[in-house]
Amino acid sequence: RTDEIAFGSVNEDGGVSVRVGLGET
């Protein structure tokens, strides 16, 4: 969950976000 904010900002900036393991993301 601590990485979800970064996933969102990376997505917004046109990058690629990768979740490791299970869970909503």
PDBML (XML) file of the C-alpha atoms, coordinates in Angstrom:
<?xml version="1.0" encoding="UTF-8" ?>
<PDBx:datablock datablockName="MODEL"
   xmlns:PDBx="http://pdbml.pdb.org/schema/pdbx-v50.xsd"
   xmlns:xsi="http://www.w3.org/2001/XMLSchema-instance"
   xsi:schemaLocation="http://pdbml.pdb.org/schema/pdbx-v50.xsd pdbx-v50.xsd">
   <PDBx:atom_siteCategory>
      <PDBx:atom_site id="1">
         <PDBx:B_iso_or_equiv>0.00</PDBx:B_iso_or_equiv>
         <PDBx:Cartn_x>0.000</PDBx:Cartn_x>
         <PDBx:Cartn_y>0.000</PDBx:Cartn_y>
         <PDBx:Cartn_z>0.000</PDBx:Cartn_z>
         <PDBx:auth_asym_id>A</PDBx:auth_asym_id>
         <PDBx:auth_atom_id>CA</PDBx:auth_atom_id>
         <PDBx:auth_comp_id>ARG</PDBx:auth_comp_id>
         <PDBx:auth_seq_id>1</PDBx:auth_seq_id>
         <PDBx:group_PDB>ATOM</PDBx:group_PDB>
         <PDBx:label_alt_id xsi:nil="true" />
         <PDBx:label_asym_id>A</PDBx:label_asym_id>
         <PDBx:label_atom_id>CA</PDBx:label_atom_id>
         <PDBx:label_comp_id>ARG</PDBx:label_comp_id>
         <PDBx:label_entity_id>1</PDBx:label_entity_id>
         <PDBx:label_seq_id>1</PDBx:label_seq_id>
         <PDBx:occupancy>1.00</PDBx:occupancy>
         <PDBx:pdbx_PDB_model_num>1</PDBx:pdbx_PDB_model_num>
         <PDBx:type_symbol>C</PDBx:type_symbol>
      </PDBx:atom_site>
      <PDBx:atom_site id="2">
         <PDBx:B_iso_or_equiv>0.00</PDBx:B_iso_or_equiv>
         <PDBx:Cartn_x>2.920</PDBx:Cartn_x>
         <PDBx:Cartn_y>2.342</PDBx:Cartn_y>
         <PDBx:Cartn_z>0.610</PDBx:Cartn_z>
         <PDBx:auth_asym_id>A</PDBx:auth_asym_id>
         <PDBx:auth_atom_id>CA</PDBx:auth_atom_id>
         <PDBx:auth_comp_id>THR</PDBx:auth_comp_id>
         <PDBx:auth_seq_id>2</PDBx:auth_seq_id>
         <PDBx:group_PDB>ATOM</PDBx:group_PDB>
         <PDBx:label_alt_id xsi:nil="true" />
         <PDBx:label_asym_id>A</PDBx:label_asym_id>
         <PDBx:label_atom_id>CA</PDBx:label_atom_id>
         <PDBx:label_comp_id>THR</PDBx:label_comp_id>
         <PDBx:label_entity_id>1</PDBx:label_entity_id>
         <PDBx:label_seq_id>2</PDBx:label_seq_id>
         <PDBx:occupancy>1.00</PDBx:occupancy>
         <PDBx:pdbx_PDB_model_num>1</PDBx:pdbx_PDB_model_num>
         <PDBx:type_symbol>C</PDBx:type_symbol>
      </PDBx:atom_site>
      <PDBx:atom_site id="3">
         <PDBx:B_iso_or_equiv>0.00</PDBx:B_iso_or_equiv>
         <PDBx:Cartn_x>3.719</PDBx:Cartn_x>
         <PDBx:Cartn_y>2.065</PDBx:Cartn_y>
         <PDBx:Cartn_z>-3.120</PDBx:Cartn_z>
         <PDBx:auth_asym_id>A</PDBx:auth_asym_id>
         <PDBx:auth_atom_id>CA</PDBx:auth_atom_id>
         <PDBx:auth_comp_id>ASP</PDBx:auth_comp_id>
         <PDBx:auth_seq_id>3</PDBx:auth_seq_id>
         <PDBx:group_PDB>ATOM</PDBx:group_PDB>
         <PDBx:label_alt_id xsi:nil="true" />
         <PDBx:label_asym_id>A</PDBx:label_asym_id>
         <PDBx:label_atom_id>CA</PDBx:label_atom_id>
         <PDBx:label_comp_id>ASP</PDBx:label_comp_id>
         <PDBx:label_entity_id>1</PDBx:label_entity_id>
         <PDBx:label_seq_id>3</PDBx:label_seq_id>
         <PDBx:occupancy>1.00</PDBx:occupancy>
         <PDBx:pdbx_PDB_model_num>1</PDBx:pdbx_PDB_model_num>
         <PDBx:type_symbol>C</PDBx:type_symbol>
      </PDBx:atom_site>
      <PDBx:atom_site id="4">
         <PDBx:B_iso_or_equiv>0.00</PDBx:B_iso_or_equiv>
         <PDBx:Cartn_x>0.264</PDBx:Cartn_x>
         <PDBx:Cartn_y>2.898</PDBx:Cartn_y>
         <PDBx:Cartn_z>-4.450</PDBx:Cartn_z>
         <PDBx:auth_asym_id>A</PDBx:auth_asym_id>
         <PDBx:auth_atom_id>CA</PDBx:auth_atom_id>
         <PDBx:auth_comp_id>GLU</PDBx:auth_comp_id>
         <PDBx:auth_seq_id>4</PDBx:auth_seq_id>
         <PDBx:group_PDB>ATOM</PDBx:group_PDB>
         <PDBx:label_alt_id xsi:nil="true" />
         <PDBx:label_asym_id>A</PDBx:label_asym_id>
         <PDBx:label_atom_id>CA</PDBx:label_atom_id>
         <PDBx:label_comp_id>GLU</PDBx:label_comp_id>
         <PDBx:label_entity_id>1</PDBx:label_entity_id>
         <PDBx:label_seq_id>4</PDBx:label_seq_id>
         <PDBx:occupancy>1.00</PDBx:occupancy>
         <PDBx:pdbx_PDB_model_num>1</PDBx:pdbx_PDB_model_num>
         <PDBx:type_symbol>C</PDBx:type_symbol>
      </PDBx:atom_site>
      <PDBx:atom_site id="5">
         <PDBx:B_iso_or_equiv>0.00</PDBx:B_iso_or_equiv>
         <PDBx:Cartn_x>0.787</PDBx:Cartn_x>
         <PDBx:Cartn_y>6.680</PDBx:Cartn_y>
         <PDBx:Cartn_z>-4.358</PDBx:Cartn_z>
         <PDBx:auth_asym_id>A</PDBx:auth_asym_id>
         <PDBx:auth_atom_id>CA</PDBx:auth_atom_id>
         <PDBx:auth_comp_id>ILE</PDBx:auth_comp_id>
         <PDBx:auth_seq_id>5</PDBx:auth_seq_id>
         <PDBx:group_PDB>ATOM</PDBx:group_PDB>
         <PDBx:label_alt_id xsi:nil="true" />
         <PDBx:label_asym_id>A</PDBx:label_asym_id>
         <PDBx:label_atom_id>CA</PDBx:label_atom_id>
         <PDBx:label_comp_id>ILE</PDBx:label_comp_id>
         <PDBx:label_entity_id>1</PDBx:label_entity_id>
         <PDBx:label_seq_id>5</PDBx:label_seq_id>
         <PDBx:occupancy>1.00</PDBx:occupancy>
         <PDBx:pdbx_PDB_model_num>1</PDBx:pdbx_PDB_model_num>
         <PDBx:type_symbol>C</PDBx:type_symbol>
      </PDBx:atom_site>
      <PDBx:atom_site id="6">
         <PDBx:B_iso_or_equiv>0.00</PDBx:B_iso_or_equiv>
         <PDBx:Cartn_x>3.930</PDBx:Cartn_x>
         <PDBx:Cartn_y>6.216</PDBx:Cartn_y>
         <PDBx:Cartn_z>-6.428</PDBx:Cartn_z>
         <PDBx:auth_asym_id>A</PDBx:auth_asym_id>
         <PDBx:auth_atom_id>CA</PDBx:auth_atom_id>
         <PDBx:auth_comp_id>ALA</PDBx:auth_comp_id>
         <PDBx:auth_seq_id>6</PDBx:auth_seq_id>
         <PDBx:group_PDB>ATOM</PDBx:group_PDB>
         <PDBx:label_alt_id xsi:nil="true" />
         <PDBx:label_asym_id>A</PDBx:label_asym_id>
         <PDBx:label_atom_id>CA</PDBx:label_atom_id>
         <PDBx:label_comp_id>ALA</PDBx:label_comp_id>
         <PDBx:label_entity_id>1</PDBx:label_entity_id>
         <PDBx:label_seq_id>6</PDBx:label_seq_id>
         <PDBx:occupancy>1.00</PDBx:occupancy>
         <PDBx:pdbx_PDB_model_num>1</PDBx:pdbx_PDB_model_num>
         <PDBx:type_symbol>C</PDBx:type_symbol>
      </PDBx:atom_site>
      <PDBx:atom_site id="7">
         <PDBx:B_iso_or_equiv>0.00</PDBx:B_iso_or_equiv>
         <PDBx:Cartn_x>2.121</PDBx:Cartn_x>
         <PDBx:Cartn_y>3.925</PDBx:Cartn_y>
         <PDBx:Cartn_z>-8.868</PDBx:Cartn_z>
         <PDBx:auth_asym_id>A</PDBx:auth_asym_id>
         <PDBx:auth_atom_id>CA</PDBx:auth_atom_id>
         <PDBx:auth_comp_id>PHE</PDBx:auth_comp_id>
         <PDBx:auth_seq_id>7</PDBx:auth_seq_id>
         <PDBx:group_PDB>ATOM</PDBx:group_PDB>
         <PDBx:label_alt_id xsi:nil="true" />
         <PDBx:label_asym_id>A</PDBx:label_asym_id>
         <PDBx:label_atom_id>CA</PDBx:label_atom_id>
         <PDBx:label_comp_id>PHE</PDBx:label_comp_id>
         <PDBx:label_entity_id>1</PDBx:label_entity_id>
         <PDBx:label_seq_id>7</PDBx:label_seq_id>
         <PDBx:occupancy>1.00</PDBx:occupancy>
         <PDBx:pdbx_PDB_model_num>1</PDBx:pdbx_PDB_model_num>
         <PDBx:type_symbol>C</PDBx:type_symbol>
      </PDBx:atom_site>
      <PDBx:atom_site id="8">
         <PDBx:B_iso_or_equiv>0.00</PDBx:B_iso_or_equiv>
         <PDBx:Cartn_x>-0.421</PDBx:Cartn_x>
         <PDBx:Cartn_y>6.684</PDBx:Cartn_y>
         <PDBx:Cartn_z>-9.403</PDBx:Cartn_z>
         <PDBx:auth_asym_id>A</PDBx:auth_asym_id>
         <PDBx:auth_atom_id>CA</PDBx:auth_atom_id>
         <PDBx:auth_comp_id>GLY</PDBx:auth_comp_id>
         <PDBx:auth_seq_id>8</PDBx:auth_seq_id>
         <PDBx:group_PDB>ATOM</PDBx:group_PDB>
         <PDBx:label_alt_id xsi:nil="true" />
         <PDBx:label_asym_id>A</PDBx:label_asym_id>
         <PDBx:label_atom_id>CA</PDBx:label_atom_id>
         <PDBx:label_comp_id>GLY</PDBx:label_comp_id>
         <PDBx:label_entity_id>1</PDBx:label_entity_id>
         <PDBx:label_seq_id>8</PDBx:label_seq_id>
         <PDBx:occupancy>1.00</PDBx:occupancy>
         <PDBx:pdbx_PDB_model_num>1</PDBx:pdbx_PDB_model_num>
         <PDBx:type_symbol>C</PDBx:type_symbol>
      </PDBx:atom_site>
      <PDBx:atom_site id="9">
         <PDBx:B_iso_or_equiv>0.00</PDBx:B_iso_or_equiv>
         <PDBx:Cartn_x>2.142</PDBx:Cartn_x>
         <PDBx:Cartn_y>9.420</PDBx:Cartn_y>
         <PDBx:Cartn_z>-9.997</PDBx:Cartn_z>
         <PDBx:auth_asym_id>A</PDBx:auth_asym_id>
         <PDBx:auth_atom_id>CA</PDBx:auth_atom_id>
         <PDBx:auth_comp_id>SER</PDBx:auth_comp_id>
         <PDBx:auth_seq_id>9</PDBx:auth_seq_id>
         <PDBx:group_PDB>ATOM</PDBx:group_PDB>
         <PDBx:label_alt_id xsi:nil="true" />
         <PDBx:label_asym_id>A</PDBx:label_asym_id>
         <PDBx:label_atom_id>CA</PDBx:label_atom_id>
         <PDBx:label_comp_id>SER</PDBx:label_comp_id>
         <PDBx:label_entity_id>1</PDBx:label_entity_id>
         <PDBx:label_seq_id>9</PDBx:label_seq_id>
         <PDBx:occupancy>1.00</PDBx:occupancy>
         <PDBx:pdbx_PDB_model_num>1</PDBx:pdbx_PDB_model_num>
         <PDBx:type_symbol>C</PDBx:type_symbol>
      </PDBx:atom_site>
      <PDBx:atom_site id="10">
         <PDBx:B_iso_or_equiv>0.00</PDBx:B_iso_or_equiv>
         <PDBx:Cartn_x>4.228</PDBx:Cartn_x>
         <PDBx:Cartn_y>7.211</PDBx:Cartn_y>
         <PDBx:Cartn_z>-12.300</PDBx:Cartn_z>
         <PDBx:auth_asym_id>A</PDBx:auth_asym_id>
         <PDBx:auth_atom_id>CA</PDBx:auth_atom_id>
         <PDBx:auth_comp_id>VAL</PDBx:auth_comp_id>
         <PDBx:auth_seq_id>10</PDBx:auth_seq_id>
         <PDBx:group_PDB>ATOM</PDBx:group_PDB>
         <PDBx:label_alt_id xsi:nil="true" />
         <PDBx:label_asym_id>A</PDBx:label_asym_id>
         <PDBx:label_atom_id>CA</PDBx:label_atom_id>
         <PDBx:label_comp_id>VAL</PDBx:label_comp_id>
         <PDBx:label_entity_id>1</PDBx:label_entity_id>
         <PDBx:label_seq_id>10</PDBx:label_seq_id>
         <PDBx:occupancy>1.00</PDBx:occupancy>
         <PDBx:pdbx_PDB_model_num>1</PDBx:pdbx_PDB_model_num>
         <PDBx:type_symbol>C</PDBx:type_symbol>
      </PDBx:atom_site>
      <PDBx:atom_site id="11">
         <PDBx:B_iso_or_equiv>0.00</PDBx:B_iso_or_equiv>
         <PDBx:Cartn_x>1.084</PDBx:Cartn_x>
         <PDBx:Cartn_y>6.450</PDBx:Cartn_y>
         <PDBx:Cartn_z>-14.307</PDBx:Cartn_z>
         <PDBx:auth_asym_id>A</PDBx:auth_asym_id>
         <PDBx:auth_atom_id>CA</PDBx:auth_atom_id>
         <PDBx:auth_comp_id>ASN</PDBx:auth_comp_id>
         <PDBx:auth_seq_id>11</PDBx:auth_seq_id>
         <PDBx:group_PDB>ATOM</PDBx:group_PDB>
         <PDBx:label_alt_id xsi:nil="true" />
         <PDBx:label_asym_id>A</PDBx:label_asym_id>
         <PDBx:label_atom_id>CA</PDBx:label_atom_id>
         <PDBx:label_comp_id>ASN</PDBx:label_comp_id>
         <PDBx:label_entity_id>1</PDBx:label_entity_id>
         <PDBx:label_seq_id>11</PDBx:label_seq_id>
         <PDBx:occupancy>1.00</PDBx:occupancy>
         <PDBx:pdbx_PDB_model_num>1</PDBx:pdbx_PDB_model_num>
         <PDBx:type_symbol>C</PDBx:type_symbol>
      </PDBx:atom_site>
      <PDBx:atom_site id="12">
         <PDBx:B_iso_or_equiv>0.00</PDBx:B_iso_or_equiv>
         <PDBx:Cartn_x>0.237</PDBx:Cartn_x>
         <PDBx:Cartn_y>10.167</PDBx:Cartn_y>
         <PDBx:Cartn_z>-14.512</PDBx:Cartn_z>
         <PDBx:auth_asym_id>A</PDBx:auth_asym_id>
         <PDBx:auth_atom_id>CA</PDBx:auth_atom_id>
         <PDBx:auth_comp_id>GLU</PDBx:auth_comp_id>
         <PDBx:auth_seq_id>12</PDBx:auth_seq_id>
         <PDBx:group_PDB>ATOM</PDBx:group_PDB>
         <PDBx:label_alt_id xsi:nil="true" />
         <PDBx:label_asym_id>A</PDBx:label_asym_id>
         <PDBx:label_atom_id>CA</PDBx:label_atom_id>
         <PDBx:label_comp_id>GLU</PDBx:label_comp_id>
         <PDBx:label_entity_id>1</PDBx:label_entity_id>
         <PDBx:label_seq_id>12</PDBx:label_seq_id>
         <PDBx:occupancy>1.00</PDBx:occupancy>
         <PDBx:pdbx_PDB_model_num>1</PDBx:pdbx_PDB_model_num>
         <PDBx:type_symbol>C</PDBx:type_symbol>
      </PDBx:atom_site>
      <PDBx:atom_site id="13">
         <PDBx:B_iso_or_equiv>0.00</PDBx:B_iso_or_equiv>
         <PDBx:Cartn_x>3.740</PDBx:Cartn_x>
         <PDBx:Cartn_y>10.939</PDBx:Cartn_y>
         <PDBx:Cartn_z>-15.765</PDBx:Cartn_z>
         <PDBx:auth_asym_id>A</PDBx:auth_asym_id>
         <PDBx:auth_atom_id>CA</PDBx:auth_atom_id>
         <PDBx:auth_comp_id>ASP</PDBx:auth_comp_id>
         <PDBx:auth_seq_id>13</PDBx:auth_seq_id>
         <PDBx:group_PDB>ATOM</PDBx:group_PDB>
         <PDBx:label_alt_id xsi:nil="true" />
         <PDBx:label_asym_id>A</PDBx:label_asym_id>
         <PDBx:label_atom_id>CA</PDBx:label_atom_id>
         <PDBx:label_comp_id>ASP</PDBx:label_comp_id>
         <PDBx:label_entity_id>1</PDBx:label_entity_id>
         <PDBx:label_seq_id>13</PDBx:label_seq_id>
         <PDBx:occupancy>1.00</PDBx:occupancy>
         <PDBx:pdbx_PDB_model_num>1</PDBx:pdbx_PDB_model_num>
         <PDBx:type_symbol>C</PDBx:type_symbol>
      </PDBx:atom_site>
      <PDBx:atom_site id="14">
         <PDBx:B_iso_or_equiv>0.00</PDBx:B_iso_or_equiv>
         <PDBx:Cartn_x>3.591</PDBx:Cartn_x>
         <PDBx:Cartn_y>8.319</PDBx:Cartn_y>
         <PDBx:Cartn_z>-18.532</PDBx:Cartn_z>
         <PDBx:auth_asym_id>A</PDBx:auth_asym_id>
         <PDBx:auth_atom_id>CA</PDBx:auth_atom_id>
         <PDBx:auth_comp_id>GLY</PDBx:auth_comp_id>
         <PDBx:auth_seq_id>14</PDBx:auth_seq_id>
         <PDBx:group_PDB>ATOM</PDBx:group_PDB>
         <PDBx:label_alt_id xsi:nil="true" />
         <PDBx:label_asym_id>A</PDBx:label_asym_id>
         <PDBx:label_atom_id>CA</PDBx:label_atom_id>
         <PDBx:label_comp_id>GLY</PDBx:label_comp_id>
         <PDBx:label_entity_id>1</PDBx:label_entity_id>
         <PDBx:label_seq_id>14</PDBx:label_seq_id>
         <PDBx:occupancy>1.00</PDBx:occupancy>
         <PDBx:pdbx_PDB_model_num>1</PDBx:pdbx_PDB_model_num>
         <PDBx:type_symbol>C</PDBx:type_symbol>
      </PDBx:atom_site>
      <PDBx:atom_site id="15">
         <PDBx:B_iso_or_equiv>0.00</PDBx:B_iso_or_equiv>
         <PDBx:Cartn_x>5.736</PDBx:Cartn_x>
         <PDBx:Cartn_y>5.693</PDBx:Cartn_y>
         <PDBx:Cartn_z>-16.837</PDBx:Cartn_z>
         <PDBx:auth_asym_id>A</PDBx:auth_asym_id>
         <PDBx:auth_atom_id>CA</PDBx:auth_atom_id>
         <PDBx:auth_comp_id>GLY</PDBx:auth_comp_id>
         <PDBx:auth_seq_id>15</PDBx:auth_seq_id>
         <PDBx:group_PDB>ATOM</PDBx:group_PDB>
         <PDBx:label_alt_id xsi:nil="true" />
         <PDBx:label_asym_id>A</PDBx:label_asym_id>
         <PDBx:label_atom_id>CA</PDBx:label_atom_id>
         <PDBx:label_comp_id>GLY</PDBx:label_comp_id>
         <PDBx:label_entity_id>1</PDBx:label_entity_id>
         <PDBx:label_seq_id>15</PDBx:label_seq_id>
         <PDBx:occupancy>1.00</PDBx:occupancy>
         <PDBx:pdbx_PDB_model_num>1</PDBx:pdbx_PDB_model_num>
         <PDBx:type_symbol>C</PDBx:type_symbol>
      </PDBx:atom_site>
      <PDBx:atom_site id="16">
         <PDBx:B_iso_or_equiv>0.00</PDBx:B_iso_or_equiv>
         <PDBx:Cartn_x>5.153</PDBx:Cartn_x>
         <PDBx:Cartn_y>2.002</PDBx:Cartn_y>
         <PDBx:Cartn_z>-16.128</PDBx:Cartn_z>
         <PDBx:auth_asym_id>A</PDBx:auth_asym_id>
         <PDBx:auth_atom_id>CA</PDBx:auth_atom_id>
         <PDBx:auth_comp_id>VAL</PDBx:auth_comp_id>
         <PDBx:auth_seq_id>16</PDBx:auth_seq_id>
         <PDBx:group_PDB>ATOM</PDBx:group_PDB>
         <PDBx:label_alt_id xsi:nil="true" />
         <PDBx:label_asym_id>A</PDBx:label_asym_id>
         <PDBx:label_atom_id>CA</PDBx:label_atom_id>
         <PDBx:label_comp_id>VAL</PDBx:label_comp_id>
         <PDBx:label_entity_id>1</PDBx:label_entity_id>
         <PDBx:label_seq_id>16</PDBx:label_seq_id>
         <PDBx:occupancy>1.00</PDBx:occupancy>
         <PDBx:pdbx_PDB_model_num>1</PDBx:pdbx_PDB_model_num>
         <PDBx:type_symbol>C</PDBx:type_symbol>
      </PDBx:atom_site>
      <PDBx:atom_site id="17">
         <PDBx:B_iso_or_equiv>0.00</PDBx:B_iso_or_equiv>
         <PDBx:Cartn_x>4.003</PDBx:Cartn_x>
         <PDBx:Cartn_y>0.865</PDBx:Cartn_y>
         <PDBx:Cartn_z>-12.684</PDBx:Cartn_z>
         <PDBx:auth_asym_id>A</PDBx:auth_asym_id>
         <PDBx:auth_atom_id>CA</PDBx:auth_atom_id>
         <PDBx:auth_comp_id>SER</PDBx:auth_comp_id>
         <PDBx:auth_seq_id>17</PDBx:auth_seq_id>
         <PDBx:group_PDB>ATOM</PDBx:group_PDB>
         <PDBx:label_alt_id xsi:nil="true" />
         <PDBx:label_asym_id>A</PDBx:label_asym_id>
         <PDBx:label_atom_id>CA</PDBx:label_atom_id>
         <PDBx:label_comp_id>SER</PDBx:label_comp_id>
         <PDBx:label_entity_id>1</PDBx:label_entity_id>
         <PDBx:label_seq_id>17</PDBx:label_seq_id>
         <PDBx:occupancy>1.00</PDBx:occupancy>
         <PDBx:pdbx_PDB_model_num>1</PDBx:pdbx_PDB_model_num>
         <PDBx:type_symbol>C</PDBx:type_symbol>
      </PDBx:atom_site>
      <PDBx:atom_site id="18">
         <PDBx:B_iso_or_equiv>0.00</PDBx:B_iso_or_equiv>
         <PDBx:Cartn_x>4.447</PDBx:Cartn_x>
         <PDBx:Cartn_y>-2.771</PDBx:Cartn_y>
         <PDBx:Cartn_z>-11.614</PDBx:Cartn_z>
         <PDBx:auth_asym_id>A</PDBx:auth_asym_id>
         <PDBx:auth_atom_id>CA</PDBx:auth_atom_id>
         <PDBx:auth_comp_id>VAL</PDBx:auth_comp_id>
         <PDBx:auth_seq_id>18</PDBx:auth_seq_id>
         <PDBx:group_PDB>ATOM</PDBx:group_PDB>
         <PDBx:label_alt_id xsi:nil="true" />
         <PDBx:label_asym_id>A</PDBx:label_asym_id>
         <PDBx:label_atom_id>CA</PDBx:label_atom_id>
         <PDBx:label_comp_id>VAL</PDBx:label_comp_id>
         <PDBx:label_entity_id>1</PDBx:label_entity_id>
         <PDBx:label_seq_id>18</PDBx:label_seq_id>
         <PDBx:occupancy>1.00</PDBx:occupancy>
         <PDBx:pdbx_PDB_model_num>1</PDBx:pdbx_PDB_model_num>
         <PDBx:type_symbol>C</PDBx:type_symbol>
      </PDBx:atom_site>
      <PDBx:atom_site id="19">
         <PDBx:B_iso_or_equiv>0.00</PDBx:B_iso_or_equiv>
         <PDBx:Cartn_x>2.757</PDBx:Cartn_x>
         <PDBx:Cartn_y>-4.307</PDBx:Cartn_y>
         <PDBx:Cartn_z>-8.560</PDBx:Cartn_z>
         <PDBx:auth_asym_id>A</PDBx:auth_asym_id>
         <PDBx:auth_atom_id>CA</PDBx:auth_atom_id>
         <PDBx:auth_comp_id>ARG</PDBx:auth_comp_id>
         <PDBx:auth_seq_id>19</PDBx:auth_seq_id>
         <PDBx:group_PDB>ATOM</PDBx:group_PDB>
         <PDBx:label_alt_id xsi:nil="true" />
         <PDBx:label_asym_id>A</PDBx:label_asym_id>
         <PDBx:label_atom_id>CA</PDBx:label_atom_id>
         <PDBx:label_comp_id>ARG</PDBx:label_comp_id>
         <PDBx:label_entity_id>1</PDBx:label_entity_id>
         <PDBx:label_seq_id>19</PDBx:label_seq_id>
         <PDBx:occupancy>1.00</PDBx:occupancy>
         <PDBx:pdbx_PDB_model_num>1</PDBx:pdbx_PDB_model_num>
         <PDBx:type_symbol>C</PDBx:type_symbol>
      </PDBx:atom_site>
      <PDBx:atom_site id="20">
         <PDBx:B_iso_or_equiv>0.00</PDBx:B_iso_or_equiv>
         <PDBx:Cartn_x>4.560</PDBx:Cartn_x>
         <PDBx:Cartn_y>-7.259</PDBx:Cartn_y>
         <PDBx:Cartn_z>-7.002</PDBx:Cartn_z>
         <PDBx:auth_asym_id>A</PDBx:auth_asym_id>
         <PDBx:auth_atom_id>CA</PDBx:auth_atom_id>
         <PDBx:auth_comp_id>VAL</PDBx:auth_comp_id>
         <PDBx:auth_seq_id>20</PDBx:auth_seq_id>
         <PDBx:group_PDB>ATOM</PDBx:group_PDB>
         <PDBx:label_alt_id xsi:nil="true" />
         <PDBx:label_asym_id>A</PDBx:label_asym_id>
         <PDBx:label_atom_id>CA</PDBx:label_atom_id>
         <PDBx:label_comp_id>VAL</PDBx:label_comp_id>
         <PDBx:label_entity_id>1</PDBx:label_entity_id>
         <PDBx:label_seq_id>20</PDBx:label_seq_id>
         <PDBx:occupancy>1.00</PDBx:occupancy>
         <PDBx:pdbx_PDB_model_num>1</PDBx:pdbx_PDB_model_num>
         <PDBx:type_symbol>C</PDBx:type_symbol>
      </PDBx:atom_site>
      <PDBx:atom_site id="21">
         <PDBx:B_iso_or_equiv>0.00</PDBx:B_iso_or_equiv>
         <PDBx:Cartn_x>2.214</PDBx:Cartn_x>
         <PDBx:Cartn_y>-9.818</PDBx:Cartn_y>
         <PDBx:Cartn_z>-5.466</PDBx:Cartn_z>
         <PDBx:auth_asym_id>A</PDBx:auth_asym_id>
         <PDBx:auth_atom_id>CA</PDBx:auth_atom_id>
         <PDBx:auth_comp_id>GLY</PDBx:auth_comp_id>
         <PDBx:auth_seq_id>21</PDBx:auth_seq_id>
         <PDBx:group_PDB>ATOM</PDBx:group_PDB>
         <PDBx:label_alt_id xsi:nil="true" />
         <PDBx:label_asym_id>A</PDBx:label_asym_id>
         <PDBx:label_atom_id>CA</PDBx:label_atom_id>
         <PDBx:label_comp_id>GLY</PDBx:label_comp_id>
         <PDBx:label_entity_id>1</PDBx:label_entity_id>
         <PDBx:label_seq_id>21</PDBx:label_seq_id>
         <PDBx:occupancy>1.00</PDBx:occupancy>
         <PDBx:pdbx_PDB_model_num>1</PDBx:pdbx_PDB_model_num>
         <PDBx:type_symbol>C</PDBx:type_symbol>
      </PDBx:atom_site>
      <PDBx:atom_site id="22">
         <PDBx:B_iso_or_equiv>0.00</PDBx:B_iso_or_equiv>
         <PDBx:Cartn_x>-1.527</PDBx:Cartn_x>
         <PDBx:Cartn_y>-9.906</PDBx:Cartn_y>
         <PDBx:Cartn_z>-4.925</PDBx:Cartn_z>
         <PDBx:auth_asym_id>A</PDBx:auth_asym_id>
         <PDBx:auth_atom_id>CA</PDBx:auth_atom_id>
         <PDBx:auth_comp_id>LEU</PDBx:auth_comp_id>
         <PDBx:auth_seq_id>22</PDBx:auth_seq_id>
         <PDBx:group_PDB>ATOM</PDBx:group_PDB>
         <PDBx:label_alt_id xsi:nil="true" />
         <PDBx:label_asym_id>A</PDBx:label_asym_id>
         <PDBx:label_atom_id>CA</PDBx:label_atom_id>
         <PDBx:label_comp_id>LEU</PDBx:label_comp_id>
         <PDBx:label_entity_id>1</PDBx:label_entity_id>
         <PDBx:label_seq_id>22</PDBx:label_seq_id>
         <PDBx:occupancy>1.00</PDBx:occupancy>
         <PDBx:pdbx_PDB_model_num>1</PDBx:pdbx_PDB_model_num>
         <PDBx:type_symbol>C</PDBx:type_symbol>
      </PDBx:atom_site>
      <PDBx:atom_site id="23">
         <PDBx:B_iso_or_equiv>0.00</PDBx:B_iso_or_equiv>
         <PDBx:Cartn_x>-3.913</PDBx:Cartn_x>
         <PDBx:Cartn_y>-7.140</PDBx:Cartn_y>
         <PDBx:Cartn_z>-3.958</PDBx:Cartn_z>
         <PDBx:auth_asym_id>A</PDBx:auth_asym_id>
         <PDBx:auth_atom_id>CA</PDBx:auth_atom_id>
         <PDBx:auth_comp_id>GLY</PDBx:auth_comp_id>
         <PDBx:auth_seq_id>23</PDBx:auth_seq_id>
         <PDBx:group_PDB>ATOM</PDBx:group_PDB>
         <PDBx:label_alt_id xsi:nil="true" />
         <PDBx:label_asym_id>A</PDBx:label_asym_id>
         <PDBx:label_atom_id>CA</PDBx:label_atom_id>
         <PDBx:label_comp_id>GLY</PDBx:label_comp_id>
         <PDBx:label_entity_id>1</PDBx:label_entity_id>
         <PDBx:label_seq_id>23</PDBx:label_seq_id>
         <PDBx:occupancy>1.00</PDBx:occupancy>
         <PDBx:pdbx_PDB_model_num>1</PDBx:pdbx_PDB_model_num>
         <PDBx:type_symbol>C</PDBx:type_symbol>
      </PDBx:atom_site>
      <PDBx:atom_site id="24">
         <PDBx:B_iso_or_equiv>0.00</PDBx:B_iso_or_equiv>
         <PDBx:Cartn_x>-5.920</PDBx:Cartn_x>
         <PDBx:Cartn_y>-4.373</PDBx:Cartn_y>
         <PDBx:Cartn_z>-5.537</PDBx:Cartn_z>
         <PDBx:auth_asym_id>A</PDBx:auth_asym_id>
         <PDBx:auth_atom_id>CA</PDBx:auth_atom_id>
         <PDBx:auth_comp_id>GLU</PDBx:auth_comp_id>
         <PDBx:auth_seq_id>24</PDBx:auth_seq_id>
         <PDBx:group_PDB>ATOM</PDBx:group_PDB>
         <PDBx:label_alt_id xsi:nil="true" />
         <PDBx:label_asym_id>A</PDBx:label_asym_id>
         <PDBx:label_atom_id>CA</PDBx:label_atom_id>
         <PDBx:label_comp_id>GLU</PDBx:label_comp_id>
         <PDBx:label_entity_id>1</PDBx:label_entity_id>
         <PDBx:label_seq_id>24</PDBx:label_seq_id>
         <PDBx:occupancy>1.00</PDBx:occupancy>
         <PDBx:pdbx_PDB_model_num>1</PDBx:pdbx_PDB_model_num>
         <PDBx:type_symbol>C</PDBx:type_symbol>
      </PDBx:atom_site>
      <PDBx:atom_site id="25">
         <PDBx:B_iso_or_equiv>0.00</PDBx:B_iso_or_equiv>
         <PDBx:Cartn_x>-3.723</PDBx:Cartn_x>
         <PDBx:Cartn_y>-1.823</PDBx:Cartn_y>
         <PDBx:Cartn_z>-7.244</PDBx:Cartn_z>
         <PDBx:auth_asym_id>A</PDBx:auth_asym_id>
         <PDBx:auth_atom_id>CA</PDBx:auth_atom_id>
         <PDBx:auth_comp_id>THR</PDBx:auth_comp_id>
         <PDBx:auth_seq_id>25</PDBx:auth_seq_id>
         <PDBx:group_PDB>ATOM</PDBx:group_PDB>
         <PDBx:label_alt_id xsi:nil="true" />
         <PDBx:label_asym_id>A</PDBx:label_asym_id>
         <PDBx:label_atom_id>CA</PDBx:label_atom_id>
         <PDBx:label_comp_id>THR</PDBx:label_comp_id>
         <PDBx:label_entity_id>1</PDBx:label_entity_id>
         <PDBx:label_seq_id>25</PDBx:label_seq_id>
         <PDBx:occupancy>1.00</PDBx:occupancy>
         <PDBx:pdbx_PDB_model_num>1</PDBx:pdbx_PDB_model_num>
         <PDBx:type_symbol>C</PDBx:type_symbol>
      </PDBx:atom_site>
   </PDBx:atom_siteCategory>
</PDBx:datablock>
